[in-house]
PDB file of N, CA and C in Angstrom:
ATOM      1  N   MET A   1       0.832  -1.175   0.000  1.00  0.00           N
ATOM      2  CA  MET A   1       0.000   0.000   0.000  1.00  0.00           C
ATOM      3  C   MET A   1       0.877   1.239   0.000  1.00  0.00           C
ATOM      4  N   LYS A   2       0.304   2.352  -0.395  1.00  0.00           N
ATOM      5  CA  LYS A   2       1.083   3.580  -0.402  1.00  0.00           C
ATOM      6  C   LYS A   2       0.225   4.768   0.006  1.00  0.00           C
ATOM      7  N   ILE A   3       0.893   5.817   0.422  1.00  0.00           N
ATOM      8  CA  ILE A   3       0.250   7.065   0.824  1.00  0.00           C
ATOM      9  C   ILE A   3      -0.027   7.867  -0.434  1.00  0.00           C
ATOM     10  N   LEU A   4      -1.254   8.352  -0.574  1.00  0.00           N
ATOM     11  CA  LEU A   4      -1.643   9.076  -1.784  1.00  0.00           C
ATOM     12  C   LEU A   4      -1.512  10.586  -1.671  1.00  0.00           C
ATOM     13  N   LYS A   5      -1.692  11.134  -0.459  1.00  0.00           N
ATOM     14  CA  LYS A   5      -1.643  12.589  -0.311  1.00  0.00           C
ATOM     15  C   LYS A   5      -1.122  12.969   1.069  1.00  0.00           C
ATOM     16  N   ASN A   6      -0.730  14.229   1.203  1.00  0.00           N
ATOM     17  CA  ASN A   6      -0.259  14.739   2.495  1.00  0.00           C
ATOM     18  C   ASN A   6      -1.402  14.700   3.501  1.00  0.00           C
ATOM     19  N   ALA A   7      -1.064  14.399   4.749  1.00  0.00           N
ATOM     20  CA  ALA A   7      -2.063  14.386   5.808  1.00  0.00           C
ATOM     21  C   ALA A   7      -1.373  14.626   7.144  1.00  0.00           C
ATOM     22  N   VAL A   8      -2.147  15.101   8.118  1.00  0.00           N
ATOM     23  CA  VAL A   8      -1.639  15.334   9.465  1.00  0.00           C
ATOM     24  C   VAL A   8      -2.626  14.779  10.484  1.00  0.00           C
ATOM     25  N   ALA A   9      -2.110  14.556  11.695  1.00  0.00           N
ATOM     26  CA  ALA A   9      -2.947  14.137  12.820  1.00  0.00           C
ATOM     27  C   ALA A   9      -2.249  14.553  14.103  1.00  0.00           C
ATOM     28  N   GLY A  10      -3.029  14.822  15.134  1.00  0.00           N
ATOM     29  CA  GLY A  10      -2.477  15.141  16.445  1.00  0.00           C
ATOM     30  C   GLY A  10      -2.272  16.629  16.669  1.00  0.00           C
ATOM     31  N   THR A  11      -1.684  16.919  17.836  1.00  0.00           N
ATOM     32  CA  THR A  11      -1.422  18.299  18.245  1.00  0.00           C
ATOM     33  C   THR A  11      -0.030  18.382  18.859  1.00  0.00           C
ATOM     34  N   LEU A  12       0.353  19.573  19.202  1.00  0.00           N
ATOM     35  CA  LEU A  12       1.628  19.790  19.894  1.00  0.00           C
ATOM     36  C   LEU A  12       1.431  19.998  21.389  1.00  0.00           C
ATOM     37  N   GLU A  13       0.285  19.566  21.904  1.00  0.00           N
ATOM     38  CA  GLU A  13      -0.001  19.655  23.330  1.00  0.00           C
ATOM     39  C   GLU A  13       0.822  18.624  24.096  1.00  0.00           C
ATOM     40  N   SER A  14       1.009  18.852  25.374  1.00  0.00           N
ATOM     41  CA  SER A  14       1.715  17.900  26.223  1.00  0.00           C
ATOM     42  C   SER A  14       1.002  16.551  26.193  1.00  0.00           C
ATOM     43  N   SER A  15       1.753  15.476  26.189  1.00  0.00           N
ATOM     44  CA  SER A  15       1.250  14.097  26.156  1.00  0.00           C
ATOM     45  C   SER A  15       0.579  13.729  24.835  1.00  0.00           C
ATOM     46  N   ASP A  16       0.862  14.453  23.776  1.00  0.00           N
ATOM     47  CA  ASP A  16       0.324  14.154  22.450  1.00  0.00           C
ATOM     48  C   ASP A  16       1.482  14.193  21.454  1.00  0.00           C
ATOM     49  N   LEU A  17       1.192  13.975  20.215  1.00  0.00           N
ATOM     50  CA  LEU A  17       2.202  14.139  19.184  1.00  0.00           C
ATOM     51  C   LEU A  17       1.543  14.604  17.904  1.00  0.00           C
ATOM     52  N   PHE A  18       2.339  15.197  17.037  1.00  0.00           N
ATOM     53  CA  PHE A  18       1.887  15.696  15.744  1.00  0.00           C
ATOM     54  C   PHE A  18       2.573  14.858  14.677  1.00  0.00           C
ATOM     55  N   ILE A  19       1.783  14.324  13.763  1.00  0.00           N
ATOM     56  CA  ILE A  19       2.314  13.496  12.688  1.00  0.00           C
ATOM     57  C   ILE A  19       1.949  14.122  11.356  1.00  0.00           C
ATOM     58  N   GLN A  20       2.927  14.191  10.473  1.00  0.00           N
ATOM     59  CA  GLN A  20       2.706  14.641   9.101  1.00  0.00           C
ATOM     60  C   GLN A  20       3.208  13.542   8.181  1.00  0.00           C
ATOM     61  N   ILE A  21       2.381  13.150   7.209  1.00  0.00           N
ATOM     62  CA  ILE A  21       2.804  12.145   6.246  1.00  0.00           C
ATOM     63  C   ILE A  21       2.739  12.727   4.843  1.00  0.00           C
ATOM     64  N   GLU A  22       3.624  12.248   3.977  1.00  0.00           N
ATOM     65  CA  GLU A  22       3.676  12.685   2.588  1.00  0.00           C
ATOM     66  C   GLU A  22       3.953  11.476   1.707  1.00  0.00           C
ATOM     67  N   PRO A  23       3.417  11.490   0.489  1.00  0.00           N
ATOM     68  CA  PRO A  23       3.737  10.389  -0.425  1.00  0.00           C
ATOM     69  C   PRO A  23       5.190  10.449  -0.891  1.00  0.00           C
ATOM     70  N   ASP A  24       5.752   9.309  -1.178  1.00  0.00           N
ATOM     71  CA  ASP A  24       7.090   9.182  -1.766  1.00  0.00           C
ATOM     72  C   ASP A  24       7.138   7.801  -2.401  1.00  0.00           C
ATOM     73  N   ASP A  25       7.340   7.748  -3.701  1.00  0.00           N
ATOM     74  CA  ASP A  25       7.307   6.467  -4.414  1.00  0.00           C
ATOM     75  C   ASP A  25       8.593   5.670  -4.298  1.00  0.00           C
ATOM     76  N   LYS A  26       9.654   6.260  -3.758  1.00  0.00           N
ATOM     77  CA  LYS A  26      10.952   5.594  -3.773  1.00  0.00           C
ATOM     78  C   LYS A  26      11.348   4.947  -2.463  1.00  0.00           C
ATOM     79  N   GLU A  27      11.111   5.633  -1.332  1.00  0.00           N
ATOM     80  CA  GLU A  27      11.623   5.101  -0.063  1.00  0.00           C
ATOM     81  C   GLU A  27      10.712   5.476   1.100  1.00  0.00           C
ATOM     82  N   LEU A  28      10.972   4.851   2.230  1.00  0.00           N
ATOM     83  CA  LEU A  28      10.277   5.177   3.470  1.00  0.00           C
ATOM     84  C   LEU A  28      11.233   5.966   4.355  1.00  0.00           C
ATOM     85  N   THR A  29      10.842   7.186   4.695  1.00  0.00           N
ATOM     86  CA  THR A  29      11.645   8.053   5.545  1.00  0.00           C
ATOM     87  C   THR A  29      10.880   8.308   6.832  1.00  0.00           C
ATOM     88  N   LEU A  30      11.534   8.114   7.963  1.00  0.00           N
ATOM     89  CA  LEU A  30      10.915   8.331   9.265  1.00  0.00           C
ATOM     90  C   LEU A  30      11.787   9.286  10.065  1.00  0.00           C
ATOM     91  N   GLU A  31      11.222  10.433  10.431  1.00  0.00           N
ATOM     92  CA  GLU A  31      11.939  11.425  11.224  1.00  0.00           C
ATOM     93  C   GLU A  31      11.152  11.674  12.509  1.00  0.00           C
ATOM     94  N   ILE A  32      11.801  11.454  13.649  1.00  0.00           N
ATOM     95  CA  ILE A  32      11.139  11.601  14.950  1.00  0.00           C
ATOM     96  C   ILE A  32      11.878  12.624  15.789  1.00  0.00           C
ATOM     97  N   ASP A  33      11.132  13.612  16.270  1.00  0.00           N
ATOM     98  CA  ASP A  33      11.656  14.606  17.208  1.00  0.00           C
ATOM     99  C   ASP A  33      10.814  14.472  18.473  1.00  0.00           C
ATOM    100  N   SER A  34      11.438  14.094  19.575  1.00  0.00           N
ATOM    101  CA  SER A  34      10.684  13.820  20.796  1.00  0.00           C
ATOM    102  C   SER A  34      11.352  14.446  22.013  1.00  0.00           C
ATOM    103  N   VAL A  35      10.522  14.942  22.923  1.00  0.00           N
ATOM    104  CA  VAL A  35      11.046  15.493  24.173  1.00  0.00           C
ATOM    105  C   VAL A  35      11.525  14.383  25.103  1.00  0.00           C
ATOM    106  N   VAL A  36      11.125  13.150  24.826  1.00  0.00           N
ATOM    107  CA  VAL A  36      11.539  12.007  25.649  1.00  0.00           C
ATOM    108  C   VAL A  36      12.382  11.014  24.839  1.00  0.00           C
ATOM    109  N   ALA A  37      13.067  11.511  23.819  1.00  0.00           N
ATOM    110  CA  ALA A  37      13.837  10.642  22.921  1.00  0.00           C
ATOM    111  C   ALA A  37      14.904   9.842  23.664  1.00  0.00           C
ATOM    112  N   ASN A  38      15.558  10.444  24.634  1.00  0.00           N
ATOM    113  CA  ASN A  38      16.614   9.732  25.354  1.00  0.00           C
ATOM    114  C   ASN A  38      16.102   8.467  26.036  1.00  0.00           C
ATOM    115  N   GLN A  39      14.880   8.515  26.540  1.00  0.00           N
ATOM    116  CA  GLN A  39      14.325   7.368  27.258  1.00  0.00           C
ATOM    117  C   GLN A  39      13.472   6.456  26.374  1.00  0.00           C
ATOM    118  N   HIS A  40      12.766   7.003  25.388  1.00  0.00           N
ATOM    119  CA  HIS A  40      11.709   6.241  24.723  1.00  0.00           C
ATOM    120  C   HIS A  40      11.754   6.218  23.198  1.00  0.00           C
ATOM    121  N   LEU A  41      12.841   6.633  22.584  1.00  0.00           N
ATOM    122  CA  LEU A  41      12.885   6.692  21.120  1.00  0.00           C
ATOM    123  C   LEU A  41      12.631   5.328  20.487  1.00  0.00           C
ATOM    124  N   ASP A  42      13.193   4.278  21.035  1.00  0.00           N
ATOM    125  CA  ASP A  42      12.998   2.942  20.463  1.00  0.00           C
ATOM    126  C   ASP A  42      11.543   2.502  20.511  1.00  0.00           C
ATOM    127  N   SER A  43      10.845   2.778  21.609  1.00  0.00           N
ATOM    128  CA  SER A  43       9.440   2.366  21.706  1.00  0.00           C
ATOM    129  C   SER A  43       8.545   3.228  20.807  1.00  0.00           C
ATOM    130  N   ILE A  44       8.886   4.506  20.652  1.00  0.00           N
ATOM    131  CA  ILE A  44       8.137   5.367  19.734  1.00  0.00           C
ATOM    132  C   ILE A  44       8.299   4.843  18.308  1.00  0.00           C
ATOM    133  N   ARG A  45       9.546   4.595  17.913  1.00  0.00           N
ATOM    134  CA  ARG A  45       9.816   4.071  16.575  1.00  0.00           C
ATOM    135  C   ARG A  45       9.112   2.727  16.373  1.00  0.00           C
ATOM    136  N   GLY A  46       9.116   1.884  17.395  1.00  0.00           N
ATOM    137  CA  GLY A  46       8.456   0.586  17.304  1.00  0.00           C
ATOM    138  C   GLY A  46       6.963   0.702  17.055  1.00  0.00           C
ATOM    139  N   ALA A  47       6.305   1.612  17.771  1.00  0.00           N
ATOM    140  CA  ALA A  47       4.861   1.809  17.587  1.00  0.00           C
ATOM    141  C   ALA A  47       4.550   2.322  16.184  1.00  0.00           C
ATOM    142  N   VAL A  48       5.394   3.226  15.697  1.00  0.00           N
ATOM    143  CA  VAL A  48       5.196   3.778  14.350  1.00  0.00           C
ATOM    144  C   VAL A  48       5.401   2.686  13.306  1.00  0.00           C
ATOM    145  N   VAL A  49       6.478   1.937  13.419  1.00  0.00           N
ATOM    146  CA  VAL A  49       6.784   0.890  12.447  1.00  0.00           C
ATOM    147  C   VAL A  49       5.722  -0.211  12.480  1.00  0.00           C
ATOM    148  N   ASP A  50       5.259  -0.579  13.660  1.00  0.00           N
ATOM    149  CA  ASP A  50       4.192  -1.580  13.766  1.00  0.00           C
ATOM    150  C   ASP A  50       2.940  -1.134  13.020  1.00  0.00           C
ATOM    151  N   THR A  51       2.575   0.140  13.185  1.00  0.00           N
ATOM    152  CA  THR A  51       1.385   0.663  12.510  1.00  0.00           C
ATOM    153  C   THR A  51       1.594   0.700  10.999  1.00  0.00           C
ATOM    154  N   LEU A  52       2.772   1.116  10.562  1.00  0.00           N
ATOM    155  CA  LEU A  52       3.075   1.104   9.131  1.00  0.00           C
ATOM    156  C   LEU A  52       2.985  -0.312   8.574  1.00  0.00           C
ATOM    157  N   ASN A  53       3.468  -1.287   9.330  1.00  0.00           N
ATOM    158  CA  ASN A  53       3.399  -2.679   8.893  1.00  0.00           C
ATOM    159  C   ASN A  53       1.957  -3.180   8.823  1.00  0.00           C
ATOM    160  N   GLU A  54       1.120  -2.767   9.771  1.00  0.00           N
ATOM    161  CA  GLU A  54      -0.296  -3.148   9.750  1.00  0.00           C
ATOM    162  C   GLU A  54      -0.970  -2.675   8.467  1.00  0.00           C
ATOM    163  N   PHE A  55      -0.603  -1.478   8.013  1.00  0.00           N
ATOM    164  CA  PHE A  55      -1.170  -0.911   6.791  1.00  0.00           C
ATOM    165  C   PHE A  55      -0.348  -1.285   5.552  1.00  0.00           C
ATOM    166  N   GLU A  56       0.703  -2.064   5.751  1.00  0.00           N
ATOM    167  CA  GLU A  56       1.585  -2.515   4.672  1.00  0.00           C
ATOM    168  C   GLU A  56       2.149  -1.334   3.874  1.00  0.00           C
ATOM    169  N   ILE A  57       2.576  -0.301   4.583  1.00  0.00           N
ATOM    170  CA  ILE A  57       3.177   0.878   3.964  1.00  0.00           C
ATOM    171  C   ILE A  57       4.675   0.631   3.800  1.00  0.00           C
ATOM    172  N   SER A  58       5.169   0.789   2.583  1.00  0.00           N
ATOM    173  CA  SER A  58       6.594   0.570   2.334  1.00  0.00           C
ATOM    174  C   SER A  58       7.300   1.820   1.817  1.00  0.00           C
ATOM    175  N   THR A  59       6.531   2.847   1.424  1.00  0.00           N
ATOM    176  CA  THR A  59       7.134   4.101   0.965  1.00  0.00           C
ATOM    177  C   THR A  59       6.367   5.281   1.543  1.00  0.00           C
ATOM    178  N   GLY A  60       7.043   6.407   1.665  1.00  0.00           N
ATOM    179  CA  GLY A  60       6.421   7.630   2.165  1.00  0.00           C
ATOM    180  C   GLY A  60       7.353   8.355   3.115  1.00  0.00           C
ATOM    181  N   LYS A  61       6.969   9.562   3.457  1.00  0.00           N
ATOM    182  CA  LYS A  61       7.727  10.361   4.414  1.00  0.00           C
ATOM    183  C   LYS A  61       6.862  10.579   5.640  1.00  0.00           C
ATOM    184  N   ILE A  62       7.406  10.254   6.810  1.00  0.00           N
ATOM    185  CA  ILE A  62       6.697  10.378   8.076  1.00  0.00           C
ATOM    186  C   ILE A  62       7.506  11.296   8.979  1.00  0.00           C
ATOM    187  N   TYR A  63       6.882  12.397   9.410  1.00  0.00           N
ATOM    188  CA  TYR A  63       7.523  13.337  10.329  1.00  0.00           C
ATOM    189  C   TYR A  63       6.724  13.360  11.622  1.00  0.00           C
ATOM    190  N   ILE A  64       7.408  13.173  12.744  1.00  0.00           N
ATOM    191  CA  ILE A  64       6.736  13.114  14.038  1.00  0.00           C
ATOM    192  C   ILE A  64       7.386  14.089  15.010  1.00  0.00           C
ATOM    193  N   LYS A  65       6.537  14.887  15.656  1.00  0.00           N
ATOM    194  CA  LYS A  65       6.961  15.785  16.745  1.00  0.00           C
ATOM    195  C   LYS A  65       6.217  15.303  17.980  1.00  0.00           C
ATOM    196  N   ASP A  66       6.935  14.629  18.877  1.00  0.00           N
ATOM    197  CA  ASP A  66       6.335  13.991  20.049  1.00  0.00           C
ATOM    198  C   ASP A  66       6.509  14.850  21.297  1.00  0.00           C
ATOM    199  N   LYS A  67       5.443  14.921  22.087  1.00  0.00           N
ATOM    200  CA  LYS A  67       5.457  15.647  23.359  1.00  0.00           C
ATOM    201  C   LYS A  67       5.155  14.712  24.522  1.00  0.00           C
ATOM    202  N   GLY A  68       5.641  13.462  24.422  1.00  0.00           N
ATOM    203  CA  GLY A  68       5.461  12.516  25.522  1.00  0.00           C
ATOM    204  C   GLY A  68       4.204  11.676  25.412  1.00  0.00           C
ATOM    205  N   ALA A  69       3.772  11.355  24.194  1.00  0.00           N
ATOM    206  CA  ALA A  69       2.550  10.582  23.990  1.00  0.00           C
ATOM    207  C   ALA A  69       2.736   9.123  24.400  1.00  0.00           C
ATOM    208  N   LEU A  70       1.679   8.533  24.913  1.00  0.00           N
ATOM    209  CA  LEU A  70       1.663   7.105  25.231  1.00  0.00           C
ATOM    210  C   LEU A  70       1.597   6.292  23.943  1.00  0.00           C
ATOM    211  N   ASP A  71       1.964   5.024  24.049  1.00  0.00           N
ATOM    212  CA  ASP A  71       1.975   4.125  22.906  1.00  0.00           C
ATOM    213  C   ASP A  71       0.622   4.083  22.189  1.00  0.00           C
ATOM    214  N   CYS A  72      -0.466   4.002  22.929  1.00  0.00           N
ATOM    215  CA  CYS A  72      -1.794   3.929  22.318  1.00  0.00           C
ATOM    216  C   CYS A  72      -2.123   5.205  21.543  1.00  0.00           C
ATOM    217  N   VAL A  73      -1.646   6.344  22.012  1.00  0.00           N
ATOM    218  CA  VAL A  73      -1.863   7.619  21.322  1.00  0.00           C
ATOM    219  C   VAL A  73      -1.055   7.651  20.029  1.00  0.00           C
ATOM    220  N   ILE A  74       0.183   7.179  20.084  1.00  0.00           N
ATOM    221  CA  ILE A  74       1.034   7.137  18.890  1.00  0.00           C
ATOM    222  C   ILE A  74       0.364   6.297  17.804  1.00  0.00           C
ATOM    223  N   ARG A  75      -0.117   5.132  18.182  1.00  0.00           N
ATOM    224  CA  ARG A  75      -0.762   4.238  17.209  1.00  0.00           C
ATOM    225  C   ARG A  75      -2.047   4.853  16.654  1.00  0.00           C
ATOM    226  N   ALA A  76      -2.838   5.490  17.497  1.00  0.00           N
ATOM    227  CA  ALA A  76      -4.085   6.117  17.047  1.00  0.00           C
ATOM    228  C   ALA A  76      -3.809   7.279  16.098  1.00  0.00           C
ATOM    229  N   ARG A  77      -2.821   8.096  16.425  1.00  0.00           N
ATOM    230  CA  ARG A  77      -2.476   9.230  15.548  1.00  0.00           C
ATOM    231  C   ARG A  77      -1.928   8.734  14.211  1.00  0.00           C
ATOM    232  N   MET A  78      -1.112   7.682  14.242  1.00  0.00           N
ATOM    233  CA  MET A  78      -0.587   7.116  12.999  1.00  0.00           C
ATOM    234  C   MET A  78      -1.720   6.595  12.120  1.00  0.00           C
ATOM    235  N   GLU A  79      -2.629   5.842  12.720  1.00  0.00           N
ATOM    236  CA  GLU A  79      -3.759   5.295  11.971  1.00  0.00           C
ATOM    237  C   GLU A  79      -4.590   6.414  11.350  1.00  0.00           C
ATOM    238  N   THR A  80      -4.857   7.458  12.122  1.00  0.00           N
ATOM    239  CA  THR A  80      -5.636   8.589  11.619  1.00  0.00           C
ATOM    240  C   THR A  80      -4.937   9.263  10.452  1.00  0.00           C
ATOM    241  N   ALA A  81      -3.644   9.536  10.596  1.00  0.00           N
ATOM    242  CA  ALA A  81      -2.892  10.188   9.515  1.00  0.00           C
ATOM    243  C   ALA A  81      -2.898   9.326   8.257  1.00  0.00           C
ATOM    244  N   LEU A  82      -2.704   8.021   8.420  1.00  0.00           N
ATOM    245  CA  LEU A  82      -2.686   7.135   7.255  1.00  0.00           C
ATOM    246  C   LEU A  82      -4.045   7.082   6.566  1.00  0.00           C
ATOM    247  N   LYS A  83      -5.105   7.041   7.335  1.00  0.00           N
ATOM    248  CA  LYS A  83      -6.440   7.030   6.728  1.00  0.00           C
ATOM    249  C   LYS A  83      -6.741   8.359   6.043  1.00  0.00           C
ATOM    250  N   ARG A  84      -6.312   9.462   6.633  1.00  0.00           N
ATOM    251  CA  ARG A  84      -6.485  10.769   6.002  1.00  0.00           C
ATOM    252  C   ARG A  84      -5.619  10.900   4.744  1.00  0.00           C
ATOM    253  N   GLY A  85      -4.509  10.181   4.733  1.00  0.00           N
ATOM    254  CA  GLY A  85      -3.603  10.202   3.587  1.00  0.00           C
ATOM    255  C   GLY A  85      -4.069   9.340   2.433  1.00  0.00           C
ATOM    256  N   GLY A  86      -5.234   8.763   2.564  1.00  0.00           N
ATOM    257  CA  GLY A  86      -5.801   7.981   1.474  1.00  0.00           C
ATOM    258  C   GLY A  86      -4.988   6.777   1.096  1.00  0.00           C
ATOM    259  N   VAL A  87      -4.571   6.012   2.089  1.00  0.00           N
ATOM    260  CA  VAL A  87      -3.752   4.825   1.836  1.00  0.00           C
ATOM    261  C   VAL A  87      -4.481   3.908   0.864  1.00  0.00           C
ATOM    262  N   LEU A  88      -3.748   3.480  -0.160  1.00  0.00           N
ATOM    263  CA  LEU A  88      -4.320   2.646  -1.205  1.00  0.00           C
ATOM    264  C   LEU A  88      -3.337   1.569  -1.608  1.00  0.00           C
ATOM    265  N   GLU A  89      -3.843   0.411  -1.998  1.00  0.00           N
ATOM    266  CA  GLU A  89      -2.946  -0.658  -2.435  1.00  0.00           C
ATOM    267  C   GLU A  89      -2.178  -0.195  -3.658  1.00  0.00           C
ATOM    268  N   SER A  90      -0.885  -0.536  -3.691  1.00  0.00           N
ATOM    269  CA  SER A  90      -0.061  -0.109  -4.832  1.00  0.00           C
ATOM    270  C   SER A  90      -0.117  -1.104  -5.966  1.00  0.00           C
TER     271      SER A  90
END
């Protein structure tokens, strides 16, 4: 599957995160900026990658600005952004 259009989800409020996705036909790029990166970057990346795998996304640009969101929030925001991005089978 692939991302068809730019989309966003979330906020920059404390305990939330902001996700922006963009289509890219060549590669998958993941950029994470988090206030808790020193402690939780691996788990944030894991939640994002798990959600991408659920939607079978192999290409696109994902930008994340995290303000300490819980795992369930990360997954919900990712799902919302992907659905808003018009994910379609390639």
